[in-house]
Amino acid sequence: MSRTVYVNGDYLPEEEAKISVFDRGFLMADGVYEVTSVLKGKLIDFPGHMARLDRSLGELDLTLPVSHDELLAIHRKLVEANNIVEGLIYMQVTRGAADRDFTFPEDATPSLVLFTQSKALIENPAAARGIKVIAVPDQRWARRDIKTVQLLAPSLAKMEAKRAGKDDAWMIEDGFVTEGTSNNAYIVTRDGRIITRDLSNRILHGITRAAVLACARDAQMQVEERPFTLSEAQDAAEAFITSASGFVMPVVEVDGTTLGDGTPGPVAKRLREIYIAESLKHAI
């Protein structure tokens, strides 16, 4: 059976789901998105995703066509309709359909699309083995804090990693790591400090990032929010990334340099356990 998706007020089989060719998300990447994890049929960090959605919409002068309560109901209906026990819900808001023009249309109705993906999140094989990343120049626009649908640069970086036989890429700007292609990046120093880039327009303000750092501080782990270089990463005891789809994902190789003994480190493994446990406690 095909999935049920949501398009502008209608629940449809995916084969019947359509958006106008004049939609500005298609023509201009004029839209934002969020991805919410589902564990045991419940939503993870939903309030955080709504807060970031509001921020992204505000930065682009976009309007959400439904309320947060209505969005929650849509998410829950899609979970039920598609029998999602573990996976993801993708949500996209665009400025809507209008004749192609660089200026914003005055009368367009925003488009809202949601769909689900079943995916093993807790028992993800990559978490057991760790992932390998390469370094690439960061070629994205200057407002990475807005979760827009313009993802070509990260996609190109991800493909470069794939062609190199690796799992992902860490992007480098002015000598420092910004983030991964679809995740926030961290290292753990040899004396146990967790280092991750501080919040600014240069990185996405990850919802999982915020939750994981709260878990780390609650567990009495030392956290420093500051830029770090590629050489610092290669000299680290361990590293990891965070995202809604990967939770805490250990990194075992950085641009050809193996970290530690080449297996997931204890800090990343412990943080993953804590984050999953806390997420399940507060899922809705």
C-alpha atoms as a PDB file:
ATOM      1  CA  MET A   1       0.000   0.000   0.000  1.00  0.00           C
ATOM      2  CA  SER A   2       1.158   3.543  -0.713  1.00  0.00           C
ATOM      3  CA  ARG A   3       1.667   6.113   1.970  1.00  0.00           C
ATOM      4  CA  THR A   4      -0.918   8.664   2.936  1.00  0.00           C
ATOM      5  CA  VAL A   5       0.475  12.184   2.597  1.00  0.00           C
ATOM      6  CA  TYR A   6      -0.916  15.589   3.497  1.00  0.00           C
ATOM      7  CA  VAL A   7      -1.172  18.325   0.869  1.00  0.00           C
ATOM      8  CA  ASN A   8      -2.907  21.617   1.626  1.00  0.00           C
ATOM      9  CA  GLY A   9      -5.725  20.235   3.724  1.00  0.00           C
ATOM     10  CA  ASP A  10      -6.145  16.872   2.006  1.00  0.00           C
ATOM     11  CA  TYR A  11      -4.940  13.399   2.993  1.00  0.00           C
ATOM     12  CA  LEU A  12      -4.060  11.600  -0.227  1.00  0.00           C
ATOM     13  CA  PRO A  13      -2.348   8.457  -1.524  1.00  0.00           C
ATOM     14  CA  GLU A  14       1.184   9.493  -2.453  1.00  0.00           C
ATOM     15  CA  GLU A  15       0.491   8.773  -6.144  1.00  0.00           C
ATOM     16  CA  GLU A  16      -2.212  11.449  -6.141  1.00  0.00           C
ATOM     17  CA  ALA A  17      -0.295  14.087  -4.197  1.00  0.00           C
ATOM     18  CA  LYS A  18       0.526  17.092  -6.382  1.00  0.00           C
ATOM     19  CA  ILE A  19       1.852  20.644  -6.027  1.00  0.00           C
ATOM     20  CA  SER A  20       1.611  23.366  -8.662  1.00  0.00           C
ATOM     21  CA  VAL A  21       4.564  23.822 -11.021  1.00  0.00           C
ATOM     22  CA  PHE A  22       4.296  27.502 -10.050  1.00  0.00           C
ATOM     23  CA  ASP A  23       4.867  26.784  -6.361  1.00  0.00           C
ATOM     24  CA  ARG A  24       7.740  28.991  -5.202  1.00  0.00           C
ATOM     25  CA  GLY A  25       9.253  26.130  -3.266  1.00  0.00           C
ATOM     26  CA  PHE A  26       9.826  24.450  -6.630  1.00  0.00           C
ATOM     27  CA  LEU A  27      10.835  27.582  -8.545  1.00  0.00           C
ATOM     28  CA  MET A  28      12.772  29.563  -5.921  1.00  0.00           C
ATOM     29  CA  ALA A  29      13.447  27.220  -2.967  1.00  0.00           C
ATOM     30  CA  ASP A  30      11.193  29.733  -1.219  1.00  0.00           C
ATOM     31  CA  GLY A  31      10.208  27.591   1.717  1.00  0.00           C
ATOM     32  CA  VAL A  32      11.247  26.018   4.994  1.00  0.00           C
ATOM     33  CA  TYR A  33      10.970  22.547   6.466  1.00  0.00           C
ATOM     34  CA  GLU A  34      11.190  20.493   9.640  1.00  0.00           C
ATOM     35  CA  VAL A  35      11.766  16.787  10.257  1.00  0.00           C
ATOM     36  CA  THR A  36      10.310  15.276  13.421  1.00  0.00           C
ATOM     37  CA  SER A  37      11.319  11.836  14.683  1.00  0.00           C
ATOM     38  CA  VAL A  38       8.796   9.201  15.703  1.00  0.00           C
ATOM     39  CA  LEU A  39       9.598   6.612  18.375  1.00  0.00           C
ATOM     40  CA  LYS A  40       7.045   4.034  19.482  1.00  0.00           C
ATOM     41  CA  GLY A  41       4.436   5.955  17.539  1.00  0.00           C
ATOM     42  CA  LYS A  42       5.085   9.220  19.395  1.00  0.00           C
ATOM     43  CA  LEU A  43       6.654  12.505  18.315  1.00  0.00           C
ATOM     44  CA  ILE A  44      10.091  13.539  19.591  1.00  0.00           C
ATOM     45  CA  ASP A  45      10.962  17.166  20.442  1.00  0.00           C
ATOM     46  CA  PHE A  46       7.797  18.451  18.736  1.00  0.00           C
ATOM     47  CA  PRO A  47       7.623  21.785  20.658  1.00  0.00           C
ATOM     48  CA  GLY A  48      11.247  22.504  19.722  1.00  0.00           C
ATOM     49  CA  HIS A  49      10.541  21.868  16.055  1.00  0.00           C
ATOM     50  CA  MET A  50       7.542  24.201  16.191  1.00  0.00           C
ATOM     51  CA  ALA A  51       9.630  26.944  17.800  1.00  0.00           C
ATOM     52  CA  ARG A  52      12.313  26.652  15.115  1.00  0.00           C
ATOM     53  CA  LEU A  53       9.651  26.525  12.390  1.00  0.00           C
ATOM     54  CA  ASP A  54       8.200  29.798  13.646  1.00  0.00           C
ATOM     55  CA  ARG A  55      11.654  31.363  13.658  1.00  0.00           C
ATOM     56  CA  SER A  56      12.437  30.211  10.097  1.00  0.00           C
ATOM     57  CA  LEU A  57       9.060  31.447   8.849  1.00  0.00           C
ATOM     58  CA  GLY A  58       9.580  34.808  10.521  1.00  0.00           C
ATOM     59  CA  GLU A  59      13.034  35.274   8.993  1.00  0.00           C
ATOM     60  CA  LEU A  60      11.555  34.773   5.507  1.00  0.00           C
ATOM     61  CA  ASP A  61       8.287  36.653   6.143  1.00  0.00           C
ATOM     62  CA  LEU A  62       6.356  33.437   5.538  1.00  0.00           C
ATOM     63  CA  THR A  63       2.999  32.504   7.051  1.00  0.00           C
ATOM     64  CA  LEU A  64       2.029  29.154   8.550  1.00  0.00           C
ATOM     65  CA  PRO A  65      -1.409  28.255   7.111  1.00  0.00           C
ATOM     66  CA  VAL A  66      -2.496  26.249  10.188  1.00  0.00           C
ATOM     67  CA  SER A  67      -2.036  26.474  13.962  1.00  0.00           C
ATOM     68  CA  HIS A  68       0.449  24.446  16.001  1.00  0.00           C
ATOM     69  CA  ASP A  69      -2.416  22.390  17.406  1.00  0.00           C
ATOM     70  CA  GLU A  70      -3.620  21.639  13.888  1.00  0.00           C
ATOM     71  CA  LEU A  71      -0.095  20.674  12.866  1.00  0.00           C
ATOM     72  CA  LEU A  72       0.146  18.316  15.822  1.00  0.00           C
ATOM     73  CA  ALA A  73      -3.133  16.708  14.788  1.00  0.00           C
ATOM     74  CA  ILE A  74      -1.876  16.318  11.204  1.00  0.00           C
ATOM     75  CA  HIS A  75       1.349  14.697  12.427  1.00  0.00           C
ATOM     76  CA  ARG A  76      -0.571  12.271  14.625  1.00  0.00           C
ATOM     77  CA  LYS A  77      -3.026  11.385  11.860  1.00  0.00           C
ATOM     78  CA  LEU A  78      -0.168  10.600   9.466  1.00  0.00           C
ATOM     79  CA  VAL A  79       1.521   8.429  12.105  1.00  0.00           C
ATOM     80  CA  GLU A  80      -1.707   6.486  12.507  1.00  0.00           C
ATOM     81  CA  ALA A  81      -2.598   6.313   8.801  1.00  0.00           C
ATOM     82  CA  ASN A  82       0.850   5.029   7.851  1.00  0.00           C
ATOM     83  CA  ASN A  83       1.363   2.874  10.947  1.00  0.00           C
ATOM     84  CA  ILE A  84       4.643   4.598  11.773  1.00  0.00           C
ATOM     85  CA  VAL A  85       6.155   3.012  14.865  1.00  0.00           C
ATOM     86  CA  GLU A  86       9.652   4.368  14.237  1.00  0.00           C
ATOM     87  CA  GLY A  87      10.635   6.868  11.592  1.00  0.00           C
ATOM     88  CA  LEU A  88      10.275  10.471  10.480  1.00  0.00           C
ATOM     89  CA  ILE A  89       7.697  13.053   9.469  1.00  0.00           C
ATOM     90  CA  TYR A  90       8.824  15.629   6.909  1.00  0.00           C
ATOM     91  CA  MET A  91       6.945  18.944   6.844  1.00  0.00           C
ATOM     92  CA  GLN A  92       7.418  21.718   4.290  1.00  0.00           C
ATOM     93  CA  VAL A  93       5.910  25.198   4.122  1.00  0.00           C
ATOM     94  CA  THR A  94       6.364  27.309   0.993  1.00  0.00           C
ATOM     95  CA  ARG A  95       5.114  30.741  -0.034  1.00  0.00           C
ATOM     96  CA  GLY A  96       2.712  29.038  -2.431  1.00  0.00           C
ATOM     97  CA  ALA A  97       1.960  29.243  -6.135  1.00  0.00           C
ATOM     98  CA  ALA A  98       2.358  32.448  -8.134  1.00  0.00           C
ATOM     99  CA  ASP A  99       3.651  33.518 -11.521  1.00  0.00           C
ATOM    100  CA  ARG A 100       7.454  33.428 -11.494  1.00  0.00           C
ATOM    101  CA  ASP A 101       8.952  36.629 -10.118  1.00  0.00           C
ATOM    102  CA  PHE A 102      11.864  37.355  -7.800  1.00  0.00           C
ATOM    103  CA  THR A 103       9.723  39.612  -5.625  1.00  0.00           C
ATOM    104  CA  PHE A 104       7.274  38.035  -3.199  1.00  0.00           C
ATOM    105  CA  PRO A 105       3.688  37.709  -4.473  1.00  0.00           C
ATOM    106  CA  GLU A 106       1.110  39.652  -2.486  1.00  0.00           C
ATOM    107  CA  ASP A 107      -1.769  37.175  -2.701  1.00  0.00           C
ATOM    108  CA  ALA A 108      -0.235  33.687  -2.755  1.00  0.00           C
ATOM    109  CA  THR A 109      -1.612  31.086  -0.341  1.00  0.00           C
ATOM    110  CA  PRO A 110       1.150  29.197   1.510  1.00  0.00           C
ATOM    111  CA  SER A 111       1.526  25.513   0.671  1.00  0.00           C
ATOM    112  CA  LEU A 112       1.822  22.874   3.407  1.00  0.00           C
ATOM    113  CA  VAL A 113       3.012  19.340   2.681  1.00  0.00           C
ATOM    114  CA  LEU A 114       3.779  16.482   5.094  1.00  0.00           C
ATOM    115  CA  PHE A 115       4.819  12.883   4.518  1.00  0.00           C
ATOM    116  CA  THR A 116       6.220  10.025   6.580  1.00  0.00           C
ATOM    117  CA  GLN A 117       9.204   7.698   6.293  1.00  0.00           C
ATOM    118  CA  SER A 118       9.550   4.460   8.224  1.00  0.00           C
ATOM    119  CA  LYS A 119      13.132   4.086   9.427  1.00  0.00           C
ATOM    120  CA  ALA A 120      15.048   2.232  12.115  1.00  0.00           C
ATOM    121  CA  LEU A 121      16.291   5.003  14.415  1.00  0.00           C
ATOM    122  CA  ILE A 122      17.227   3.287  17.660  1.00  0.00           C
ATOM    123  CA  GLU A 123      18.787   0.144  16.178  1.00  0.00           C
ATOM    124  CA  ASN A 124      20.574   2.038  13.416  1.00  0.00           C
ATOM    125  CA  PRO A 125      23.550  -0.087  12.232  1.00  0.00           C
ATOM    126  CA  ALA A 126      25.621   3.048  11.608  1.00  0.00           C
ATOM    127  CA  ALA A 127      25.469   3.922  15.311  1.00  0.00           C
ATOM    128  CA  ALA A 128      27.081   0.606  16.204  1.00  0.00           C
ATOM    129  CA  ARG A 129      29.975   0.928  13.777  1.00  0.00           C
ATOM    130  CA  GLY A 130      30.362   4.732  13.607  1.00  0.00           C
ATOM    131  CA  ILE A 131      30.537   6.821  10.453  1.00  0.00           C
ATOM    132  CA  LYS A 132      33.420   8.240   8.425  1.00  0.00           C
ATOM    133  CA  VAL A 133      33.466  11.844   7.232  1.00  0.00           C
ATOM    134  CA  ILE A 134      35.514  13.872   4.773  1.00  0.00           C
ATOM    135  CA  ALA A 135      36.213  17.614   4.841  1.00  0.00           C
ATOM    136  CA  VAL A 136      34.809  19.867   2.096  1.00  0.00           C
ATOM    137  CA  PRO A 137      34.597  23.650   1.638  1.00  0.00           C
ATOM    138  CA  ASP A 138      31.362  25.154   2.943  1.00  0.00           C
ATOM    139  CA  GLN A 139      29.688  26.672  -0.121  1.00  0.00           C
ATOM    140  CA  ARG A 140      26.275  27.436   1.363  1.00  0.00           C
ATOM    141  CA  TRP A 141      24.563  30.812   1.675  1.00  0.00           C
ATOM    142  CA  ALA A 142      25.104  32.990   4.735  1.00  0.00           C
ATOM    143  CA  ARG A 143      21.798  32.252   6.547  1.00  0.00           C
ATOM    144  CA  ARG A 144      22.229  28.617   7.529  1.00  0.00           C
ATOM    145  CA  ASP A 145      20.270  29.259  10.715  1.00  0.00           C
ATOM    146  CA  ILE A 146      17.079  29.300   8.603  1.00  0.00           C
ATOM    147  CA  LYS A 147      15.970  25.751   7.776  1.00  0.00           C
ATOM    148  CA  THR A 148      15.232  26.410   4.112  1.00  0.00           C
ATOM    149  CA  VAL A 149      14.566  23.866   1.373  1.00  0.00           C
ATOM    150  CA  GLN A 150      17.585  25.003  -0.657  1.00  0.00           C
ATOM    151  CA  LEU A 151      19.758  21.959   0.008  1.00  0.00           C
ATOM    152  CA  LEU A 152      21.817  21.633  -3.173  1.00  0.00           C
ATOM    153  CA  ALA A 153      25.193  22.490  -1.570  1.00  0.00           C
ATOM    154  CA  PRO A 154      24.794  19.919   1.243  1.00  0.00           C
ATOM    155  CA  SER A 155      23.604  17.385  -1.325  1.00  0.00           C
ATOM    156  CA  LEU A 156      26.729  17.958  -3.428  1.00  0.00           C
ATOM    157  CA  ALA A 157      28.906  17.539  -0.324  1.00  0.00           C
ATOM    158  CA  LYS A 158      27.101  14.321   0.611  1.00  0.00           C
ATOM    159  CA  MET A 159      27.652  12.963  -2.897  1.00  0.00           C
ATOM    160  CA  GLU A 160      31.358  13.857  -2.707  1.00  0.00           C
ATOM    161  CA  ALA A 161      31.582  11.815   0.482  1.00  0.00           C
ATOM    162  CA  LYS A 162      29.731   8.912  -1.113  1.00  0.00           C
ATOM    163  CA  ARG A 163      32.066   8.893  -4.118  1.00  0.00           C
ATOM    164  CA  ALA A 164      35.010   8.825  -1.694  1.00  0.00           C
ATOM    165  CA  GLY A 165      33.548   5.745  -0.020  1.00  0.00           C
ATOM    166  CA  LYS A 166      32.655   7.630   3.173  1.00  0.00           C
ATOM    167  CA  ASP A 167      29.391   8.376   4.957  1.00  0.00           C
ATOM    168  CA  ASP A 168      29.191  12.150   5.212  1.00  0.00           C
ATOM    169  CA  ALA A 169      31.083  15.424   4.954  1.00  0.00           C
ATOM    170  CA  TRP A 170      32.027  18.121   7.451  1.00  0.00           C
ATOM    171  CA  MET A 171      32.040  21.563   5.910  1.00  0.00           C
ATOM    172  CA  ILE A 172      34.952  23.929   6.474  1.00  0.00           C
ATOM    173  CA  GLU A 173      34.866  27.732   6.444  1.00  0.00           C
ATOM    174  CA  ASP A 174      37.710  30.068   7.388  1.00  0.00           C
ATOM    175  CA  GLY A 175      39.643  27.082   8.728  1.00  0.00           C
ATOM    176  CA  PHE A 176      36.900  25.882  11.073  1.00  0.00           C
ATOM    177  CA  VAL A 177      34.300  23.128  10.894  1.00  0.00           C
ATOM    178  CA  THR A 178      30.799  24.558  10.567  1.00  0.00           C
ATOM    179  CA  GLU A 179      28.648  21.405  10.547  1.00  0.00           C
ATOM    180  CA  GLY A 180      27.815  18.246   8.624  1.00  0.00           C
ATOM    181  CA  THR A 181      25.635  18.098   5.533  1.00  0.00           C
ATOM    182  CA  SER A 182      22.472  17.585   7.586  1.00  0.00           C
ATOM    183  CA  ASN A 183      23.689  17.541  11.170  1.00  0.00           C
ATOM    184  CA  ASN A 184      25.649  19.365  13.861  1.00  0.00           C
ATOM    185  CA  ALA A 185      29.264  18.310  14.490  1.00  0.00           C
ATOM    186  CA  TYR A 186      31.106  17.625  17.773  1.00  0.00           C
ATOM    187  CA  ILE A 187      34.480  16.459  18.998  1.00  0.00           C
ATOM    188  CA  VAL A 188      35.521  15.084  22.374  1.00  0.00           C
ATOM    189  CA  THR A 189      38.984  16.185  23.478  1.00  0.00           C
ATOM    190  CA  ARG A 190      41.474  13.816  25.071  1.00  0.00           C
ATOM    191  CA  ASP A 191      40.605  15.275  28.474  1.00  0.00           C
ATOM    192  CA  GLY A 192      36.886  14.616  27.926  1.00  0.00           C
ATOM    193  CA  ARG A 193      35.509  18.027  26.915  1.00  0.00           C
ATOM    194  CA  ILE A 194      32.697  18.096  24.344  1.00  0.00           C
ATOM    195  CA  ILE A 195      33.318  20.834  21.764  1.00  0.00           C
ATOM    196  CA  THR A 196      30.701  22.041  19.282  1.00  0.00           C
ATOM    197  CA  ARG A 197      30.247  25.183  17.242  1.00  0.00           C
ATOM    198  CA  ASP A 198      28.428  28.027  18.993  1.00  0.00           C
ATOM    199  CA  LEU A 199      25.099  29.209  17.585  1.00  0.00           C
ATOM    200  CA  SER A 200      25.159  31.870  14.877  1.00  0.00           C
ATOM    201  CA  ASN A 201      23.954  32.414  11.318  1.00  0.00           C
ATOM    202  CA  ARG A 202      26.671  29.998  10.176  1.00  0.00           C
ATOM    203  CA  ILE A 203      25.015  26.824  11.456  1.00  0.00           C
ATOM    204  CA  LEU A 204      21.545  25.407  11.856  1.00  0.00           C
ATOM    205  CA  HIS A 205      20.232  25.683  15.399  1.00  0.00           C
ATOM    206  CA  GLY A 206      19.644  21.954  15.785  1.00  0.00           C
ATOM    207  CA  ILE A 207      16.722  20.817  17.937  1.00  0.00           C
ATOM    208  CA  THR A 208      18.518  17.548  18.678  1.00  0.00           C
ATOM    209  CA  ARG A 209      21.670  19.587  19.353  1.00  0.00           C
ATOM    210  CA  ALA A 210      19.912  21.540  22.103  1.00  0.00           C
ATOM    211  CA  ALA A 211      18.459  18.404  23.673  1.00  0.00           C
ATOM    212  CA  VAL A 212      21.740  16.489  23.555  1.00  0.00           C
ATOM    213  CA  LEU A 213      23.716  19.359  25.104  1.00  0.00           C
ATOM    214  CA  ALA A 214      21.143  19.540  27.899  1.00  0.00           C
ATOM    215  CA  CYS A 215      21.596  15.793  28.442  1.00  0.00           C
ATOM    216  CA  ALA A 216      25.379  16.223  28.511  1.00  0.00           C
ATOM    217  CA  ARG A 217      25.251  18.979  31.097  1.00  0.00           C
ATOM    218  CA  ASP A 218      22.773  17.031  33.232  1.00  0.00           C
ATOM    219  CA  ALA A 219      25.239  14.135  33.149  1.00  0.00           C
ATOM    220  CA  GLN A 220      28.010  16.474  34.422  1.00  0.00           C
ATOM    221  CA  MET A 221      29.877  16.396  31.112  1.00  0.00           C
ATOM    222  CA  GLN A 222      31.901  19.491  30.264  1.00  0.00           C
ATOM    223  CA  VAL A 223      30.657  21.317  27.158  1.00  0.00           C
ATOM    224  CA  GLU A 224      32.363  24.118  25.228  1.00  0.00           C
ATOM    225  CA  GLU A 225      30.482  25.913  22.462  1.00  0.00           C
ATOM    226  CA  ARG A 226      33.139  27.296  20.139  1.00  0.00           C
ATOM    227  CA  PRO A 227      34.537  26.717  16.649  1.00  0.00           C
ATOM    228  CA  PHE A 228      37.084  23.925  16.209  1.00  0.00           C
ATOM    229  CA  THR A 229      39.505  23.220  13.379  1.00  0.00           C
ATOM    230  CA  LEU A 230      39.845  20.128  11.232  1.00  0.00           C
ATOM    231  CA  SER A 231      43.210  19.365  12.856  1.00  0.00           C
ATOM    232  CA  GLU A 232      41.578  19.557  16.308  1.00  0.00           C
ATOM    233  CA  ALA A 233      38.977  17.078  15.099  1.00  0.00           C
ATOM    234  CA  GLN A 234      41.643  14.718  13.779  1.00  0.00           C
ATOM    235  CA  ASP A 235      43.471  14.888  17.123  1.00  0.00           C
ATOM    236  CA  ALA A 236      40.300  14.297  19.156  1.00  0.00           C
ATOM    237  CA  ALA A 237      39.615  11.255  21.298  1.00  0.00           C
ATOM    238  CA  GLU A 238      36.254  10.811  19.576  1.00  0.00           C
ATOM    239  CA  ALA A 239      33.633  12.692  17.596  1.00  0.00           C
ATOM    240  CA  PHE A 240      29.946  12.529  16.784  1.00  0.00           C
ATOM    241  CA  ILE A 241      27.087  14.262  15.004  1.00  0.00           C
ATOM    242  CA  THR A 242      23.493  14.948  16.054  1.00  0.00           C
ATOM    243  CA  SER A 243      20.309  15.144  13.993  1.00  0.00           C
ATOM    244  CA  ALA A 244      16.627  14.290  14.209  1.00  0.00           C
ATOM    245  CA  SER A 245      17.148  11.167  12.096  1.00  0.00           C
ATOM    246  CA  GLY A 246      20.456  10.021  13.594  1.00  0.00           C
ATOM    247  CA  PHE A 247      20.131  11.157  17.229  1.00  0.00           C
ATOM    248  CA  VAL A 248      23.757  10.902  18.460  1.00  0.00           C
ATOM    249  CA  MET A 249      25.840   9.258  15.741  1.00  0.00           C
ATOM    250  CA  PRO A 250      29.499   8.386  16.499  1.00  0.00           C
ATOM    251  CA  VAL A 251      32.189   9.466  14.026  1.00  0.00           C
ATOM    252  CA  VAL A 252      35.220   7.164  13.823  1.00  0.00           C
ATOM    253  CA  GLU A 253      37.198   8.758  10.982  1.00  0.00           C
ATOM    254  CA  VAL A 254      37.715  12.412  10.016  1.00  0.00           C
ATOM    255  CA  ASP A 255      39.171  13.163   6.586  1.00  0.00           C
ATOM    256  CA  GLY A 256      41.303  10.013   6.534  1.00  0.00           C
ATOM    257  CA  THR A 257      42.364  10.082  10.190  1.00  0.00           C
ATOM    258  CA  THR A 258      41.055   7.308  12.437  1.00  0.00           C
ATOM    259  CA  LEU A 259      39.898   8.464  15.855  1.00  0.00           C
ATOM    260  CA  GLY A 260      40.866   6.329  18.837  1.00  0.00           C
ATOM    261  CA  ASP A 261      40.693   2.642  17.993  1.00  0.00           C
ATOM    262  CA  GLY A 262      38.302   3.245  15.116  1.00  0.00           C
ATOM    263  CA  THR A 263      35.157   2.295  17.031  1.00  0.00           C
ATOM    264  CA  PRO A 264      32.440   4.498  18.604  1.00  0.00           C
ATOM    265  CA  GLY A 265      33.708   6.273  21.702  1.00  0.00           C
ATOM    266  CA  PRO A 266      32.223   6.069  25.212  1.00  0.00           C
ATOM    267  CA  VAL A 267      30.965   9.660  25.350  1.00  0.00           C
ATOM    268  CA  ALA A 268      28.993   9.364  22.106  1.00  0.00           C
ATOM    269  CA  LYS A 269      27.571   5.988  23.090  1.00  0.00           C
ATOM    270  CA  ARG A 270      26.538   7.219  26.524  1.00  0.00           C
ATOM    271  CA  LEU A 271      24.961  10.403  25.163  1.00  0.00           C
ATOM    272  CA  ARG A 272      23.016   8.371  22.613  1.00  0.00           C
ATOM    273  CA  GLU A 273      21.621   6.155  25.373  1.00  0.00           C
ATOM    274  CA  ILE A 274      20.673   9.156  27.537  1.00  0.00           C
ATOM    275  CA  TYR A 275      19.097  11.080  24.664  1.00  0.00           C
ATOM    276  CA  ILE A 276      16.935   8.154  23.537  1.00  0.00           C
ATOM    277  CA  ALA A 277      15.786   7.465  27.091  1.00  0.00           C
ATOM    278  CA  GLU A 278      14.918  11.129  27.721  1.00  0.00           C
ATOM    279  CA  SER A 279      13.206  11.484  24.350  1.00  0.00           C
ATOM    280  CA  LEU A 280      10.944   8.543  25.056  1.00  0.00           C
ATOM    281  CA  LYS A 281      10.019  10.021  28.435  1.00  0.00           C
ATOM    282  CA  HIS A 282       8.831  13.268  26.882  1.00  0.00           C
ATOM    283  CA  ALA A 283       7.440  12.048  23.521  1.00  0.00           C
ATOM    284  CA  ILE A 284       3.883  13.127  22.703  1.00  0.00           C
END
